[in-house]
N, C-alpha and C. Protein backbone atom coordinates (compact mmCIF):
# COMPACT_ATOMS: atom_id res chain seq x y z
N MET A 1 22.44 31.31 33.87
CA MET A 1 22.55 31.12 32.43
C MET A 1 22.54 29.62 32.13
N VAL A 2 21.80 29.25 31.12
CA VAL A 2 21.73 27.86 30.69
C VAL A 2 22.90 27.58 29.75
N ARG A 3 23.65 26.52 30.07
CA ARG A 3 24.73 26.08 29.18
C ARG A 3 24.18 25.00 28.28
N ALA A 4 24.13 25.28 26.99
CA ALA A 4 23.58 24.33 26.03
C ALA A 4 24.64 23.93 25.02
N TYR A 5 24.54 22.68 24.61
CA TYR A 5 25.43 22.14 23.58
C TYR A 5 24.54 21.62 22.46
N ALA A 6 24.65 22.22 21.29
CA ALA A 6 23.83 21.82 20.15
C ALA A 6 24.62 20.88 19.25
N ILE A 7 24.03 19.75 18.96
CA ILE A 7 24.60 18.81 18.00
C ILE A 7 23.76 18.96 16.75
N VAL A 8 24.38 19.52 15.71
CA VAL A 8 23.67 19.91 14.51
C VAL A 8 24.00 18.96 13.37
N ASN A 9 22.95 18.46 12.72
CA ASN A 9 23.13 17.66 11.52
C ASN A 9 23.00 18.61 10.33
N PRO A 10 24.12 18.98 9.71
CA PRO A 10 24.06 19.98 8.63
C PRO A 10 23.34 19.49 7.38
N THR A 11 23.16 18.19 7.24
CA THR A 11 22.48 17.65 6.06
C THR A 11 21.00 17.41 6.30
N ALA A 12 20.52 17.72 7.50
CA ALA A 12 19.10 17.53 7.81
C ALA A 12 18.25 18.42 6.92
N GLY A 13 17.05 18.00 6.67
CA GLY A 13 16.12 18.81 5.89
C GLY A 13 16.58 19.05 4.47
N GLY A 14 17.14 18.03 3.85
CA GLY A 14 17.60 18.17 2.46
C GLY A 14 18.76 19.14 2.35
N ASN A 15 19.73 18.99 3.26
CA ASN A 15 20.93 19.84 3.30
C ASN A 15 20.66 21.29 3.70
N ARG A 16 19.52 21.53 4.34
CA ARG A 16 19.20 22.87 4.83
C ARG A 16 19.49 23.02 6.31
N GLY A 17 20.00 21.96 6.95
CA GLY A 17 20.18 21.95 8.39
C GLY A 17 20.98 23.10 8.95
N MET A 18 22.12 23.37 8.36
CA MET A 18 22.98 24.43 8.87
C MET A 18 22.35 25.80 8.67
N ARG A 19 21.73 26.01 7.52
CA ARG A 19 21.07 27.30 7.26
C ARG A 19 19.94 27.53 8.26
N LEU A 20 19.15 26.49 8.52
CA LEU A 20 18.06 26.62 9.49
C LEU A 20 18.58 26.85 10.89
N TRP A 21 19.63 26.12 11.28
CA TRP A 21 20.20 26.28 12.61
C TRP A 21 20.72 27.70 12.81
N ARG A 22 21.34 28.28 11.80
CA ARG A 22 21.85 29.66 11.91
C ARG A 22 20.72 30.65 12.16
N ARG A 23 19.52 30.34 11.69
CA ARG A 23 18.37 31.22 11.94
C ARG A 23 17.78 31.00 13.33
N ILE A 24 17.91 29.80 13.87
CA ILE A 24 17.31 29.45 15.15
C ILE A 24 18.23 29.78 16.33
N ARG A 25 19.54 29.59 16.16
CA ARG A 25 20.49 29.78 17.25
C ARG A 25 20.34 31.12 17.96
N PRO A 26 20.16 32.25 17.24
CA PRO A 26 20.03 33.53 17.93
C PRO A 26 18.85 33.60 18.90
N ILE A 27 17.83 32.82 18.67
CA ILE A 27 16.68 32.80 19.58
C ILE A 27 17.10 32.31 20.96
N PHE A 28 17.91 31.25 20.98
CA PHE A 28 18.43 30.73 22.25
C PHE A 28 19.35 31.76 22.91
N GLN A 29 20.21 32.39 22.12
CA GLN A 29 21.14 33.37 22.66
C GLN A 29 20.42 34.59 23.22
N GLU A 30 19.37 35.05 22.54
CA GLU A 30 18.59 36.18 23.03
C GLU A 30 17.88 35.86 24.33
N ALA A 31 17.61 34.58 24.55
CA ALA A 31 16.98 34.14 25.80
C ALA A 31 18.01 33.98 26.92
N GLY A 32 19.28 34.27 26.61
CA GLY A 32 20.31 34.21 27.64
C GLY A 32 21.04 32.89 27.73
N TRP A 33 20.86 32.02 26.77
CA TRP A 33 21.54 30.72 26.77
C TRP A 33 22.94 30.87 26.20
N ASP A 34 23.87 30.17 26.80
CA ASP A 34 25.24 30.07 26.27
C ASP A 34 25.28 28.80 25.43
N VAL A 35 25.30 28.95 24.11
CA VAL A 35 25.18 27.81 23.20
C VAL A 35 26.50 27.57 22.47
N THR A 36 27.02 26.36 22.61
CA THR A 36 28.13 25.92 21.78
C THR A 36 27.57 24.85 20.85
N GLU A 37 28.29 24.56 19.78
CA GLU A 37 27.74 23.60 18.81
C GLU A 37 28.84 22.76 18.19
N SER A 38 28.43 21.62 17.71
CA SER A 38 29.27 20.74 16.91
C SER A 38 28.42 20.19 15.78
N LEU A 39 29.08 19.90 14.67
CA LEU A 39 28.38 19.34 13.52
C LEU A 39 28.65 17.85 13.44
N SER A 40 27.59 17.08 13.30
CA SER A 40 27.77 15.64 13.08
C SER A 40 28.18 15.45 11.62
N GLN A 41 29.08 14.52 11.40
CA GLN A 41 29.59 14.28 10.05
C GLN A 41 29.13 12.93 9.48
N LYS A 42 28.92 11.98 10.40
CA LYS A 42 28.53 10.64 9.95
C LYS A 42 27.68 9.98 11.03
N ARG A 43 27.07 8.89 10.65
CA ARG A 43 26.23 8.13 11.58
C ARG A 43 27.05 7.74 12.81
N GLY A 44 26.48 7.97 13.97
CA GLY A 44 27.13 7.63 15.23
C GLY A 44 27.84 8.80 15.89
N ASP A 45 28.14 9.85 15.14
CA ASP A 45 28.82 11.02 15.71
C ASP A 45 28.03 11.63 16.87
N ALA A 46 26.74 11.80 16.68
CA ALA A 46 25.92 12.47 17.70
C ALA A 46 25.88 11.68 19.00
N ILE A 47 25.97 10.36 18.92
CA ILE A 47 26.01 9.54 20.14
C ILE A 47 27.24 9.90 20.96
N GLU A 48 28.38 9.90 20.30
CA GLU A 48 29.64 10.19 20.99
C GLU A 48 29.68 11.62 21.51
N MET A 49 29.21 12.56 20.71
CA MET A 49 29.20 13.96 21.13
C MET A 49 28.32 14.17 22.36
N ALA A 50 27.14 13.60 22.35
CA ALA A 50 26.22 13.76 23.48
C ALA A 50 26.78 13.10 24.73
N ALA A 51 27.38 11.93 24.59
CA ALA A 51 27.95 11.22 25.74
C ALA A 51 29.09 12.01 26.37
N ALA A 52 29.83 12.75 25.57
CA ALA A 52 30.98 13.50 26.07
C ALA A 52 30.63 14.90 26.59
N SER A 53 29.42 15.35 26.35
CA SER A 53 29.02 16.70 26.72
C SER A 53 28.88 16.86 28.23
N SER A 54 29.20 18.06 28.71
CA SER A 54 28.99 18.38 30.12
C SER A 54 27.97 19.51 30.28
N ALA A 55 27.27 19.86 29.19
CA ALA A 55 26.29 20.95 29.23
C ALA A 55 25.05 20.56 30.02
N ASP A 56 24.31 21.58 30.46
CA ASP A 56 23.05 21.36 31.18
C ASP A 56 21.98 20.82 30.24
N VAL A 57 21.99 21.35 29.00
CA VAL A 57 21.01 20.97 27.98
C VAL A 57 21.77 20.56 26.73
N VAL A 58 21.38 19.43 26.16
CA VAL A 58 21.96 19.00 24.89
C VAL A 58 20.85 19.07 23.85
N LEU A 59 21.09 19.86 22.82
CA LEU A 59 20.10 20.07 21.76
C LEU A 59 20.42 19.19 20.57
N ALA A 60 19.43 18.46 20.11
CA ALA A 60 19.55 17.67 18.89
C ALA A 60 18.90 18.47 17.78
N ALA A 61 19.73 19.09 16.93
CA ALA A 61 19.23 19.92 15.84
C ALA A 61 19.35 19.12 14.55
N GLY A 62 18.24 18.54 14.14
CA GLY A 62 18.23 17.69 12.96
C GLY A 62 16.89 17.00 12.85
N GLY A 63 16.93 15.79 12.35
CA GLY A 63 15.71 15.00 12.21
C GLY A 63 15.60 13.94 13.28
N ASP A 64 14.76 12.95 13.02
CA ASP A 64 14.54 11.91 14.03
C ASP A 64 15.80 11.08 14.28
N GLY A 65 16.64 10.90 13.29
CA GLY A 65 17.88 10.16 13.49
C GLY A 65 18.83 10.88 14.42
N THR A 66 18.93 12.18 14.28
CA THR A 66 19.79 12.97 15.16
C THR A 66 19.26 12.92 16.59
N ALA A 67 17.96 13.10 16.75
CA ALA A 67 17.35 13.05 18.08
C ALA A 67 17.58 11.69 18.73
N HIS A 68 17.45 10.64 17.96
CA HIS A 68 17.66 9.28 18.46
C HIS A 68 19.10 9.10 18.93
N GLU A 69 20.04 9.54 18.13
CA GLU A 69 21.45 9.39 18.51
C GLU A 69 21.80 10.21 19.75
N VAL A 70 21.32 11.43 19.82
CA VAL A 70 21.62 12.27 20.98
C VAL A 70 21.01 11.65 22.24
N ALA A 71 19.78 11.17 22.15
CA ALA A 71 19.15 10.52 23.30
C ALA A 71 19.95 9.31 23.75
N ASN A 72 20.40 8.51 22.81
CA ASN A 72 21.20 7.33 23.17
C ASN A 72 22.53 7.73 23.79
N GLY A 73 23.14 8.80 23.30
CA GLY A 73 24.40 9.27 23.90
C GLY A 73 24.21 9.72 25.33
N LEU A 74 23.12 10.43 25.60
CA LEU A 74 22.84 10.86 26.96
C LEU A 74 22.57 9.68 27.88
N LEU A 75 21.83 8.71 27.38
CA LEU A 75 21.57 7.51 28.18
C LEU A 75 22.86 6.75 28.47
N ARG A 76 23.72 6.69 27.48
CA ARG A 76 25.00 5.99 27.64
C ARG A 76 25.88 6.67 28.70
N SER A 77 25.80 7.99 28.78
CA SER A 77 26.66 8.74 29.70
C SER A 77 26.19 8.68 31.16
N HIS A 78 24.95 8.30 31.37
CA HIS A 78 24.35 8.23 32.71
C HIS A 78 24.33 9.60 33.40
N ARG A 79 24.34 10.69 32.61
CA ARG A 79 24.26 12.03 33.17
C ARG A 79 22.82 12.51 33.17
N ARG A 80 22.56 13.48 34.00
CA ARG A 80 21.23 14.07 34.06
C ARG A 80 21.22 15.39 33.30
N ALA A 81 21.29 15.31 32.01
CA ALA A 81 21.19 16.49 31.17
C ALA A 81 19.80 16.50 30.54
N THR A 82 19.33 17.66 30.21
CA THR A 82 18.05 17.80 29.54
C THR A 82 18.26 17.68 28.04
N LEU A 83 17.41 16.92 27.39
CA LEU A 83 17.44 16.77 25.95
C LEU A 83 16.46 17.75 25.33
N GLY A 84 16.95 18.54 24.40
CA GLY A 84 16.10 19.44 23.63
C GLY A 84 16.14 19.03 22.18
N VAL A 85 15.00 19.05 21.52
CA VAL A 85 14.92 18.67 20.10
C VAL A 85 14.57 19.91 19.29
N VAL A 86 15.41 20.22 18.31
CA VAL A 86 15.19 21.32 17.40
C VAL A 86 14.92 20.68 16.03
N PRO A 87 13.66 20.53 15.65
CA PRO A 87 13.31 19.77 14.45
C PRO A 87 13.58 20.52 13.16
N ILE A 88 14.75 20.28 12.59
CA ILE A 88 15.10 20.93 11.32
C ILE A 88 15.31 19.90 10.22
N GLY A 89 14.88 18.67 10.47
CA GLY A 89 15.07 17.59 9.50
C GLY A 89 13.89 17.39 8.61
């Protein structure tokens, strides 16, 4: 089973981020992924969340800013996690 941690920007896509993520999350679960999630609240949150994650895959669910922050958090942590981008921004 894949352990995934989704960092969701709820304001992505003109405040549609959370609604879109709720439609997408079941696809991962149906594929057998164990998905936990956190919502970013402000700039920089996704960096800290990604750096602290111990999941196999870290999903950036948002726009380019969310993906950028999650990538930087993973680089900062020096862990070998896979970055997944869920473009809902």
